[in-house]
Amino acid sequence: MLIEAFMTYIRCELNYSAHTVLSYRTDLKQWRDWATGGKPELFDPTDMTTADLRQWILHLGQEGDTPRTLRRKATTLRSFYRYLMKNGKTDHNPAADIILAKPDKPLPVFIRPMETKELFDGQFDRGNFIDTRDRLIALMLYTTGMRRAELIGLKDINVDCRRGELKVLGKRSKERIIPFGTELNEMITLYRNLRDQETIGEPEYFFVRPGGLPLYPMLVERVVQNVLTGHTYVARRSPHVLRHSCATDLLNNGADITAVQQLLGHASLTTTQIYTHLTYRELKQNYQLAHPRAQKK
């Protein structure tokens, strides 16, 4: 009961995303089952000590969980106990003293401009609803930098071709306006014409399946995987890779970093700055390869 009450709290009051809520629920139920030996009816978080929680984290590490995963689970525990304290269920937070080393952030994977040019300049069946929708999904992710969840939740009424703007609902239910150009505008018009032949009535969501049902996460993953296959050498072909590519190309072409932050919906400029490290790495590699005296001993 306490776990479900906490889920309601972070979903309804803190506006955490569905993905975060699912991760927290999974973490807490895993911890509860471990702490009770598989008897969840005996669960009492107020009996737990810091040593107990550390033992669980150690167990997970021995089972092969990555440092990033362990850090997230410790964060889940701290948040849960803060909630219990807020509601008078306990007077201390045994997870507060669990401090794990911050793992190094890997640089984002991105697609090179020559690859995106080949992809989006290529031919597709402009009379086929699925082909057009799938190409538009990839193009919109790349040209706007939006997240997968934002694309799925995009409402048809919030895509304004006359103004060249769309409105998305980001993390913590924060809305932002994203401008778009002529290419995306033309693709949106083509897609809407085909979609109107596939659906009855006004669709609520911009992207739909045949018949009008909305998309779901794994479908978007498969669409992007299929669209990118044969056009890029990167091993991972996901919606987030297109988001990374958008940010990288903007900065490489002179966009202001605060403008990129606003476009992507980053709460902190620190998050956006990882792309400056990425572009510097590219610059350094190009210099080493191209300058005649870069490798002279």
C-alpha atoms as a PDB file:
ATOM      1  CA  MET A   1       0.000   0.000   0.000  1.00  0.00           C
ATOM      2  CA  LEU A   2       2.812   2.432   0.846  1.00  0.00           C
ATOM      3  CA  ILE A   3       4.533   1.787  -2.467  1.00  0.00           C
ATOM      4  CA  GLU A   4       1.357   2.398  -4.474  1.00  0.00           C
ATOM      5  CA  ALA A   5       0.624   5.558  -2.475  1.00  0.00           C
ATOM      6  CA  PHE A   6       4.128   6.765  -3.304  1.00  0.00           C
ATOM      7  CA  MET A   7       3.526   5.974  -6.986  1.00  0.00           C
ATOM      8  CA  THR A   8       0.379   8.092  -6.959  1.00  0.00           C
ATOM      9  CA  TYR A   9       2.292  10.916  -5.272  1.00  0.00           C
ATOM     10  CA  ILE A  10       5.146  11.086  -7.802  1.00  0.00           C
ATOM     11  CA  ARG A  11       2.785  10.665 -10.740  1.00  0.00           C
ATOM     12  CA  CYS A  12       0.035  13.101  -9.737  1.00  0.00           C
ATOM     13  CA  GLU A  13       1.759  15.650  -7.494  1.00  0.00           C
ATOM     14  CA  LEU A  14       5.337  15.653  -8.800  1.00  0.00           C
ATOM     15  CA  ASN A  15       4.325  14.997 -12.443  1.00  0.00           C
ATOM     16  CA  TYR A  16       7.011  12.370 -12.989  1.00  0.00           C
ATOM     17  CA  SER A  17       6.912  10.713 -16.410  1.00  0.00           C
ATOM     18  CA  ALA A  18       5.288   7.310 -16.903  1.00  0.00           C
ATOM     19  CA  HIS A  19       8.753   5.854 -17.581  1.00  0.00           C
ATOM     20  CA  THR A  20      10.143   7.173 -14.285  1.00  0.00           C
ATOM     21  CA  VAL A  21       7.120   5.976 -12.329  1.00  0.00           C
ATOM     22  CA  LEU A  22       7.519   2.487 -13.816  1.00  0.00           C
ATOM     23  CA  SER A  23      11.227   2.433 -12.945  1.00  0.00           C
ATOM     24  CA  TYR A  24      10.546   3.507  -9.336  1.00  0.00           C
ATOM     25  CA  ARG A  25       7.802   0.902  -8.947  1.00  0.00           C
ATOM     26  CA  THR A  26      10.064  -1.844 -10.307  1.00  0.00           C
ATOM     27  CA  ASP A  27      12.916  -0.815  -7.987  1.00  0.00           C
ATOM     28  CA  LEU A  28      10.755  -0.680  -4.869  1.00  0.00           C
ATOM     29  CA  LYS A  29       9.017  -3.988  -5.521  1.00  0.00           C
ATOM     30  CA  GLN A  30      12.364  -5.650  -6.191  1.00  0.00           C
ATOM     31  CA  TRP A  31      13.691  -4.265  -2.917  1.00  0.00           C
ATOM     32  CA  ARG A  32      10.529  -5.269  -1.009  1.00  0.00           C
ATOM     33  CA  ASP A  33      10.696  -8.848  -2.301  1.00  0.00           C
ATOM     34  CA  TRP A  34      14.379  -9.126  -1.414  1.00  0.00           C
ATOM     35  CA  ALA A  35      13.876  -7.636   2.055  1.00  0.00           C
ATOM     36  CA  THR A  36      10.972  -9.961   2.896  1.00  0.00           C
ATOM     37  CA  GLY A  37      12.328 -13.110   1.301  1.00  0.00           C
ATOM     38  CA  GLY A  38       9.506 -13.126  -1.219  1.00  0.00           C
ATOM     39  CA  LYS A  39       6.729 -12.408   1.312  1.00  0.00           C
ATOM     40  CA  PRO A  40       5.552  -8.881   0.475  1.00  0.00           C
ATOM     41  CA  GLU A  41       2.830  -8.987   3.123  1.00  0.00           C
ATOM     42  CA  LEU A  42       5.590  -8.727   5.759  1.00  0.00           C
ATOM     43  CA  PHE A  43       7.047  -5.548   4.247  1.00  0.00           C
ATOM     44  CA  ASP A  44       7.695  -2.747   6.739  1.00  0.00           C
ATOM     45  CA  PRO A  45      10.121  -0.088   5.421  1.00  0.00           C
ATOM     46  CA  THR A  46      10.344   1.606   8.837  1.00  0.00           C
ATOM     47  CA  ASP A  47      12.253  -1.403  10.177  1.00  0.00           C
ATOM     48  CA  MET A  48      15.048  -1.003   7.626  1.00  0.00           C
ATOM     49  CA  THR A  49      18.452   0.384   8.538  1.00  0.00           C
ATOM     50  CA  THR A  50      21.111   1.957   6.368  1.00  0.00           C
ATOM     51  CA  ALA A  51      23.081  -1.290   6.673  1.00  0.00           C
ATOM     52  CA  ASP A  52      20.100  -3.240   5.311  1.00  0.00           C
ATOM     53  CA  LEU A  53      19.825  -0.967   2.295  1.00  0.00           C
ATOM     54  CA  ARG A  54      23.552  -1.108   1.632  1.00  0.00           C
ATOM     55  CA  GLN A  55      23.341  -4.895   1.752  1.00  0.00           C
ATOM     56  CA  TRP A  56      20.706  -4.864  -0.966  1.00  0.00           C
ATOM     57  CA  ILE A  57      22.751  -2.515  -3.171  1.00  0.00           C
ATOM     58  CA  LEU A  58      25.800  -4.758  -2.652  1.00  0.00           C
ATOM     59  CA  HIS A  59      23.742  -7.808  -3.594  1.00  0.00           C
ATOM     60  CA  LEU A  60      22.598  -6.138  -6.813  1.00  0.00           C
ATOM     61  CA  GLY A  61      26.170  -5.216  -7.683  1.00  0.00           C
ATOM     62  CA  GLN A  62      27.248  -8.816  -7.200  1.00  0.00           C
ATOM     63  CA  GLU A  63      24.372  -9.897  -9.441  1.00  0.00           C
ATOM     64  CA  GLY A  64      25.755  -7.718 -12.229  1.00  0.00           C
ATOM     65  CA  ASP A  65      23.808  -4.444 -12.053  1.00  0.00           C
ATOM     66  CA  THR A  66      25.772  -1.545 -13.521  1.00  0.00           C
ATOM     67  CA  PRO A  67      26.929   1.429 -11.392  1.00  0.00           C
ATOM     68  CA  ARG A  68      24.369   3.612 -13.197  1.00  0.00           C
ATOM     69  CA  THR A  69      21.545   1.206 -12.271  1.00  0.00           C
ATOM     70  CA  LEU A  70      22.697   0.984  -8.651  1.00  0.00           C
ATOM     71  CA  ARG A  71      22.787   4.758  -8.421  1.00  0.00           C
ATOM     72  CA  ARG A  72      19.230   4.999  -9.730  1.00  0.00           C
ATOM     73  CA  LYS A  73      17.987   2.425  -7.232  1.00  0.00           C
ATOM     74  CA  ALA A  74      19.622   4.332  -4.372  1.00  0.00           C
ATOM     75  CA  THR A  75      17.879   7.478  -5.621  1.00  0.00           C
ATOM     76  CA  THR A  76      14.574   5.593  -5.614  1.00  0.00           C
ATOM     77  CA  LEU A  77      15.090   4.579  -1.973  1.00  0.00           C
ATOM     78  CA  ARG A  78      15.967   8.123  -0.908  1.00  0.00           C
ATOM     79  CA  SER A  79      12.866   9.506  -2.625  1.00  0.00           C
ATOM     80  CA  PHE A  80      10.633   6.857  -1.076  1.00  0.00           C
ATOM     81  CA  TYR A  81      11.872   7.564   2.446  1.00  0.00           C
ATOM     82  CA  ARG A  82      11.520  11.321   1.948  1.00  0.00           C
ATOM     83  CA  TYR A  83       7.893  10.650   1.069  1.00  0.00           C
ATOM     84  CA  LEU A  84       7.443   8.532   4.224  1.00  0.00           C
ATOM     85  CA  MET A  85       8.944  11.298   6.361  1.00  0.00           C
ATOM     86  CA  LYS A  86       6.757  13.909   4.705  1.00  0.00           C
ATOM     87  CA  ASN A  87       3.681  11.856   5.638  1.00  0.00           C
ATOM     88  CA  GLY A  88       4.759  11.038   9.189  1.00  0.00           C
ATOM     89  CA  LYS A  89       5.423   7.344   8.587  1.00  0.00           C
ATOM     90  CA  THR A  90       9.009   7.549   9.815  1.00  0.00           C
ATOM     91  CA  ASP A  91      11.332  10.118  11.384  1.00  0.00           C
ATOM     92  CA  HIS A  92      14.544   9.248   9.532  1.00  0.00           C
ATOM     93  CA  ASN A  93      15.806   8.410   6.056  1.00  0.00           C
ATOM     94  CA  PRO A  94      18.127   5.376   6.157  1.00  0.00           C
ATOM     95  CA  ALA A  95      18.878   5.826   2.453  1.00  0.00           C
ATOM     96  CA  ALA A  96      20.307   9.322   2.947  1.00  0.00           C
ATOM     97  CA  ASP A  97      23.768   8.002   3.772  1.00  0.00           C
ATOM     98  CA  ILE A  98      23.999   5.720   0.744  1.00  0.00           C
ATOM     99  CA  ILE A  99      26.319   7.660  -1.555  1.00  0.00           C
ATOM    100  CA  LEU A 100      27.474   5.958  -4.720  1.00  0.00           C
ATOM    101  CA  ALA A 101      30.147   7.198  -7.088  1.00  0.00           C
ATOM    102  CA  LYS A 102      28.763   9.097 -10.048  1.00  0.00           C
ATOM    103  CA  PRO A 103      29.477   7.102 -13.204  1.00  0.00           C
ATOM    104  CA  ASP A 104      31.075   8.788 -16.174  1.00  0.00           C
ATOM    105  CA  LYS A 105      28.528   9.835 -18.763  1.00  0.00           C
ATOM    106  CA  PRO A 106      29.190   8.243 -22.145  1.00  0.00           C
ATOM    107  CA  LEU A 107      29.182  10.669 -25.054  1.00  0.00           C
ATOM    108  CA  PRO A 108      25.942  10.444 -27.040  1.00  0.00           C
ATOM    109  CA  VAL A 109      25.809   8.432 -30.247  1.00  0.00           C
ATOM    110  CA  PHE A 110      24.905  10.497 -33.299  1.00  0.00           C
ATOM    111  CA  ILE A 111      24.511  10.107 -37.052  1.00  0.00           C
ATOM    112  CA  ARG A 112      26.833  12.000 -39.343  1.00  0.00           C
ATOM    113  CA  PRO A 113      25.387  14.758 -41.571  1.00  0.00           C
ATOM    114  CA  MET A 114      26.261  12.893 -44.782  1.00  0.00           C
ATOM    115  CA  GLU A 115      24.236   9.933 -43.521  1.00  0.00           C
ATOM    116  CA  THR A 116      21.191  11.995 -42.588  1.00  0.00           C
ATOM    117  CA  LYS A 117      21.378  13.742 -45.985  1.00  0.00           C
ATOM    118  CA  GLU A 118      21.388  10.393 -47.776  1.00  0.00           C
ATOM    119  CA  LEU A 119      18.491   9.197 -45.636  1.00  0.00           C
ATOM    120  CA  PHE A 120      16.160  12.155 -45.979  1.00  0.00           C
ATOM    121  CA  ASP A 121      16.998  12.934 -49.618  1.00  0.00           C
ATOM    122  CA  GLY A 122      16.200   9.342 -50.576  1.00  0.00           C
ATOM    123  CA  GLN A 123      13.009   8.203 -52.273  1.00  0.00           C
ATOM    124  CA  PHE A 124      10.008   6.595 -50.549  1.00  0.00           C
ATOM    125  CA  ASP A 125       6.445   5.709 -51.543  1.00  0.00           C
ATOM    126  CA  ARG A 126       4.659   9.026 -51.125  1.00  0.00           C
ATOM    127  CA  GLY A 127       1.291   7.382 -51.714  1.00  0.00           C
ATOM    128  CA  ASN A 128       1.730   4.812 -48.945  1.00  0.00           C
ATOM    129  CA  PHE A 129       0.482   5.801 -45.474  1.00  0.00           C
ATOM    130  CA  ILE A 130       2.910   3.621 -43.487  1.00  0.00           C
ATOM    131  CA  ASP A 131       5.976   4.579 -45.546  1.00  0.00           C
ATOM    132  CA  THR A 132       5.134   8.274 -45.303  1.00  0.00           C
ATOM    133  CA  ARG A 133       4.361   8.118 -41.587  1.00  0.00           C
ATOM    134  CA  ASP A 134       7.559   6.254 -40.790  1.00  0.00           C
ATOM    135  CA  ARG A 135       9.714   8.672 -42.798  1.00  0.00           C
ATOM    136  CA  LEU A 136       7.996  11.602 -41.065  1.00  0.00           C
ATOM    137  CA  ILE A 137       8.609  10.076 -37.629  1.00  0.00           C
ATOM    138  CA  ALA A 138      12.360   9.926 -38.313  1.00  0.00           C
ATOM    139  CA  LEU A 139      12.411  13.387 -39.899  1.00  0.00           C
ATOM    140  CA  MET A 140      10.490  14.980 -37.033  1.00  0.00           C
ATOM    141  CA  LEU A 141      12.730  13.399 -34.397  1.00  0.00           C
ATOM    142  CA  TYR A 142      15.819  14.649 -36.215  1.00  0.00           C
ATOM    143  CA  THR A 143      14.629  18.152 -37.139  1.00  0.00           C
ATOM    144  CA  THR A 144      12.956  19.006 -33.820  1.00  0.00           C
ATOM    145  CA  GLY A 145      15.061  16.999 -31.339  1.00  0.00           C
ATOM    146  CA  MET A 146      11.936  15.873 -29.488  1.00  0.00           C
ATOM    147  CA  ARG A 147      11.865  12.830 -27.233  1.00  0.00           C
ATOM    148  CA  ARG A 148      10.114   9.576 -28.120  1.00  0.00           C
ATOM    149  CA  ALA A 149       7.422  10.134 -25.478  1.00  0.00           C
ATOM    150  CA  GLU A 150       6.844  13.664 -26.754  1.00  0.00           C
ATOM    151  CA  LEU A 151       6.367  12.379 -30.285  1.00  0.00           C
ATOM    152  CA  ILE A 152       3.891   9.710 -29.176  1.00  0.00           C
ATOM    153  CA  GLY A 153       1.925  12.210 -27.087  1.00  0.00           C
ATOM    154  CA  LEU A 154       1.914  14.936 -29.757  1.00  0.00           C
ATOM    155  CA  LYS A 155      -1.679  16.126 -30.295  1.00  0.00           C
ATOM    156  CA  ASP A 156      -2.867  16.857 -33.813  1.00  0.00           C
ATOM    157  CA  ILE A 157      -4.250  20.223 -32.735  1.00  0.00           C
ATOM    158  CA  ASN A 158      -0.758  21.237 -31.559  1.00  0.00           C
ATOM    159  CA  VAL A 159       0.864  20.888 -35.005  1.00  0.00           C
ATOM    160  CA  ASP A 160       0.430  24.243 -36.745  1.00  0.00           C
ATOM    161  CA  CYS A 161       1.696  24.273 -40.329  1.00  0.00           C
ATOM    162  CA  ARG A 162       0.593  27.857 -40.918  1.00  0.00           C
ATOM    163  CA  ARG A 163       2.881  29.150 -38.162  1.00  0.00           C
ATOM    164  CA  GLY A 164       5.496  26.428 -38.609  1.00  0.00           C
ATOM    165  CA  GLU A 165       5.301  25.476 -34.927  1.00  0.00           C
ATOM    166  CA  LEU A 166       4.372  22.522 -32.807  1.00  0.00           C
ATOM    167  CA  LYS A 167       3.745  22.278 -29.070  1.00  0.00           C
ATOM    168  CA  VAL A 168       4.961  19.268 -27.086  1.00  0.00           C
ATOM    169  CA  LEU A 169       4.461  18.155 -23.516  1.00  0.00           C
ATOM    170  CA  GLY A 170       7.869  17.373 -22.054  1.00  0.00           C
ATOM    171  CA  LYS A 171       9.173  16.044 -18.752  1.00  0.00           C
ATOM    172  CA  ARG A 172       7.351  17.145 -15.610  1.00  0.00           C
ATOM    173  CA  SER A 173       4.433  18.175 -17.894  1.00  0.00           C
ATOM    174  CA  LYS A 174       6.318  21.233 -19.173  1.00  0.00           C
ATOM    175  CA  GLU A 175       5.091  22.543 -22.503  1.00  0.00           C
ATOM    176  CA  ARG A 176       7.415  24.048 -25.090  1.00  0.00           C
ATOM    177  CA  ILE A 177       7.054  25.409 -28.600  1.00  0.00           C
ATOM    178  CA  ILE A 178       9.307  24.004 -31.338  1.00  0.00           C
ATOM    179  CA  PRO A 179       9.656  25.738 -34.723  1.00  0.00           C
ATOM    180  CA  PHE A 180      10.026  23.749 -37.926  1.00  0.00           C
ATOM    181  CA  GLY A 181      10.932  24.464 -41.543  1.00  0.00           C
ATOM    182  CA  THR A 182       9.592  23.941 -45.043  1.00  0.00           C
ATOM    183  CA  GLU A 183      10.667  20.315 -45.507  1.00  0.00           C
ATOM    184  CA  LEU A 184       8.900  19.130 -42.375  1.00  0.00           C
ATOM    185  CA  ASN A 185       5.894  21.313 -43.200  1.00  0.00           C
ATOM    186  CA  GLU A 186       5.467  19.643 -46.601  1.00  0.00           C
ATOM    187  CA  MET A 187       5.848  16.164 -45.097  1.00  0.00           C
ATOM    188  CA  ILE A 188       3.246  16.924 -42.437  1.00  0.00           C
ATOM    189  CA  THR A 189       0.749  18.019 -45.102  1.00  0.00           C
ATOM    190  CA  LEU A 190       1.384  14.875 -47.158  1.00  0.00           C
ATOM    191  CA  TYR A 191       1.024  12.661 -44.086  1.00  0.00           C
ATOM    192  CA  ARG A 192      -2.205  14.317 -42.947  1.00  0.00           C
ATOM    193  CA  ASN A 193      -3.788  13.811 -46.356  1.00  0.00           C
ATOM    194  CA  LEU A 194      -2.949  10.096 -46.295  1.00  0.00           C
ATOM    195  CA  ARG A 195      -3.958   9.750 -42.644  1.00  0.00           C
ATOM    196  CA  ASP A 196      -7.397  11.204 -43.335  1.00  0.00           C
ATOM    197  CA  GLN A 197      -7.975   8.341 -45.768  1.00  0.00           C
ATOM    198  CA  GLU A 198      -7.024   5.788 -43.090  1.00  0.00           C
ATOM    199  CA  THR A 199      -9.054   7.136 -40.178  1.00  0.00           C
ATOM    200  CA  ILE A 200     -12.613   8.164 -39.407  1.00  0.00           C
ATOM    201  CA  GLY A 201     -13.205  11.526 -37.771  1.00  0.00           C
ATOM    202  CA  GLU A 202     -10.686  13.919 -36.260  1.00  0.00           C
ATOM    203  CA  PRO A 203      -7.737  12.057 -34.656  1.00  0.00           C
ATOM    204  CA  GLU A 204      -6.637  13.247 -31.213  1.00  0.00           C
ATOM    205  CA  TYR A 205      -3.009  12.291 -31.705  1.00  0.00           C
ATOM    206  CA  PHE A 206      -0.921  13.447 -34.638  1.00  0.00           C
ATOM    207  CA  PHE A 207       0.803  10.101 -35.265  1.00  0.00           C
ATOM    208  CA  VAL A 208      -1.508   7.098 -35.491  1.00  0.00           C
ATOM    209  CA  ARG A 209      -1.644   3.533 -36.684  1.00  0.00           C
ATOM    210  CA  PRO A 210      -4.024   2.499 -39.481  1.00  0.00           C
ATOM    211  CA  GLY A 211      -7.499   2.884 -38.042  1.00  0.00           C
ATOM    212  CA  GLY A 212      -6.551   5.805 -35.823  1.00  0.00           C
ATOM    213  CA  LEU A 213      -5.028   4.189 -32.723  1.00  0.00           C
ATOM    214  CA  PRO A 214      -2.032   6.052 -31.207  1.00  0.00           C
ATOM    215  CA  LEU A 215       1.543   4.816 -31.387  1.00  0.00           C
ATOM    216  CA  TYR A 216       3.357   3.027 -28.550  1.00  0.00           C
ATOM    217  CA  PRO A 217       7.052   3.058 -27.555  1.00  0.00           C
ATOM    218  CA  MET A 218       8.244  -0.204 -29.111  1.00  0.00           C
ATOM    219  CA  LEU A 219       6.531   0.612 -32.396  1.00  0.00           C
ATOM    220  CA  VAL A 220       8.436   3.904 -32.612  1.00  0.00           C
ATOM    221  CA  GLU A 221      11.672   2.066 -31.786  1.00  0.00           C
ATOM    222  CA  ARG A 222      11.043  -0.426 -34.599  1.00  0.00           C
ATOM    223  CA  VAL A 223      10.113   2.318 -37.048  1.00  0.00           C
ATOM    224  CA  VAL A 224      13.339   4.249 -36.410  1.00  0.00           C
ATOM    225  CA  GLN A 225      15.416   1.065 -36.537  1.00  0.00           C
ATOM    226  CA  ASN A 226      13.940   0.157 -39.925  1.00  0.00           C
ATOM    227  CA  VAL A 227      14.245   3.666 -41.368  1.00  0.00           C
ATOM    228  CA  LEU A 228      17.902   4.045 -40.331  1.00  0.00           C
ATOM    229  CA  THR A 229      19.035   0.567 -41.377  1.00  0.00           C
ATOM    230  CA  GLY A 230      21.240   0.809 -44.445  1.00  0.00           C
ATOM    231  CA  HIS A 231      21.839   4.532 -44.005  1.00  0.00           C
ATOM    232  CA  THR A 232      24.192   4.714 -41.011  1.00  0.00           C
ATOM    233  CA  TYR A 233      27.088   2.807 -39.505  1.00  0.00           C
ATOM    234  CA  VAL A 234      26.179   3.476 -35.860  1.00  0.00           C
ATOM    235  CA  ALA A 235      25.334   0.324 -33.938  1.00  0.00           C
ATOM    236  CA  ARG A 236      22.424   1.860 -32.036  1.00  0.00           C
ATOM    237  CA  ARG A 237      19.550   3.167 -34.160  1.00  0.00           C
ATOM    238  CA  SER A 238      16.960   4.654 -31.848  1.00  0.00           C
ATOM    239  CA  PRO A 239      14.808   7.792 -31.471  1.00  0.00           C
ATOM    240  CA  HIS A 240      17.294   9.174 -28.959  1.00  0.00           C
ATOM    241  CA  VAL A 241      20.127   8.867 -31.486  1.00  0.00           C
ATOM    242  CA  LEU A 242      18.153  11.173 -33.803  1.00  0.00           C
ATOM    243  CA  ARG A 243      17.683  13.602 -30.898  1.00  0.00           C
ATOM    244  CA  HIS A 244      21.439  13.532 -30.250  1.00  0.00           C
ATOM    245  CA  SER A 245      22.093  14.076 -33.955  1.00  0.00           C
ATOM    246  CA  CYS A 246      19.817  17.111 -34.004  1.00  0.00           C
ATOM    247  CA  ALA A 247      21.635  18.758 -31.092  1.00  0.00           C
ATOM    248  CA  THR A 248      25.091  17.914 -32.430  1.00  0.00           C
ATOM    249  CA  ASP A 249      24.385  19.262 -35.911  1.00  0.00           C
ATOM    250  CA  LEU A 250      22.856  22.467 -34.529  1.00  0.00           C
ATOM    251  CA  LEU A 251      25.915  23.208 -32.394  1.00  0.00           C
ATOM    252  CA  ASN A 252      28.333  22.251 -35.163  1.00  0.00           C
ATOM    253  CA  ASN A 253      26.587  24.757 -37.415  1.00  0.00           C
ATOM    254  CA  GLY A 254      26.797  27.643 -34.966  1.00  0.00           C
ATOM    255  CA  ALA A 255      23.559  27.473 -32.954  1.00  0.00           C
ATOM    256  CA  ASP A 256      23.657  29.158 -29.543  1.00  0.00           C
ATOM    257  CA  ILE A 257      23.833  26.591 -26.752  1.00  0.00           C
ATOM    258  CA  THR A 258      21.000  28.190 -24.761  1.00  0.00           C
ATOM    259  CA  ALA A 259      18.785  28.039 -27.856  1.00  0.00           C
ATOM    260  CA  VAL A 260      19.571  24.328 -28.195  1.00  0.00           C
ATOM    261  CA  GLN A 261      18.784  23.871 -24.496  1.00  0.00           C
ATOM    262  CA  GLN A 262      15.341  25.438 -25.004  1.00  0.00           C
ATOM    263  CA  LEU A 263      14.693  23.454 -28.161  1.00  0.00           C
ATOM    264  CA  LEU A 264      15.471  20.119 -26.493  1.00  0.00           C
ATOM    265  CA  GLY A 265      13.689  20.987 -23.255  1.00  0.00           C
ATOM    266  CA  HIS A 266      16.692  20.458 -20.985  1.00  0.00           C
ATOM    267  CA  ALA A 267      16.086  21.714 -17.442  1.00  0.00           C
ATOM    268  CA  SER A 268      19.809  22.424 -17.003  1.00  0.00           C
ATOM    269  CA  LEU A 269      22.373  23.840 -19.388  1.00  0.00           C
ATOM    270  CA  THR A 270      24.786  21.212 -18.026  1.00  0.00           C
ATOM    271  CA  THR A 271      22.815  18.534 -19.862  1.00  0.00           C
ATOM    272  CA  THR A 272      23.155  20.394 -23.150  1.00  0.00           C
ATOM    273  CA  GLN A 273      26.876  20.974 -22.627  1.00  0.00           C
ATOM    274  CA  ILE A 274      27.650  17.309 -23.244  1.00  0.00           C
ATOM    275  CA  TYR A 275      27.111  18.057 -26.937  1.00  0.00           C
ATOM    276  CA  THR A 276      29.835  20.694 -26.840  1.00  0.00           C
ATOM    277  CA  HIS A 277      32.220  18.002 -25.609  1.00  0.00           C
ATOM    278  CA  LEU A 278      31.035  15.851 -28.490  1.00  0.00           C
ATOM    279  CA  THR A 279      31.629  18.536 -31.093  1.00  0.00           C
ATOM    280  CA  TYR A 280      35.082  19.250 -29.620  1.00  0.00           C
ATOM    281  CA  ARG A 281      35.943  15.558 -29.907  1.00  0.00           C
ATOM    282  CA  GLU A 282      34.944  15.657 -33.581  1.00  0.00           C
ATOM    283  CA  LEU A 283      37.050  18.784 -34.103  1.00  0.00           C
ATOM    284  CA  LYS A 284      40.065  17.152 -32.456  1.00  0.00           C
ATOM    285  CA  GLN A 285      39.727  13.984 -34.548  1.00  0.00           C
ATOM    286  CA  ASN A 286      39.409  15.990 -37.766  1.00  0.00           C
ATOM    287  CA  TYR A 287      42.448  18.057 -36.847  1.00  0.00           C
ATOM    288  CA  GLN A 288      44.554  14.961 -36.149  1.00  0.00           C
ATOM    289  CA  LEU A 289      43.570  13.466 -39.486  1.00  0.00           C
ATOM    290  CA  ALA A 290      43.706  16.556 -41.655  1.00  0.00           C
ATOM    291  CA  HIS A 291      46.432  18.903 -40.452  1.00  0.00           C
ATOM    292  CA  PRO A 292      49.802  18.101 -42.081  1.00  0.00           C
ATOM    293  CA  ARG A 293      51.755  18.761 -38.881  1.00  0.00           C
ATOM    294  CA  ALA A 294      49.354  17.343 -36.320  1.00  0.00           C
ATOM    295  CA  GLN A 295      51.183  13.998 -36.107  1.00  0.00           C
ATOM    296  CA  LYS A 296      54.693  15.216 -36.842  1.00  0.00           C
ATOM    297  CA  LYS A 297      57.107  14.029 -34.199  1.00  0.00           C
END
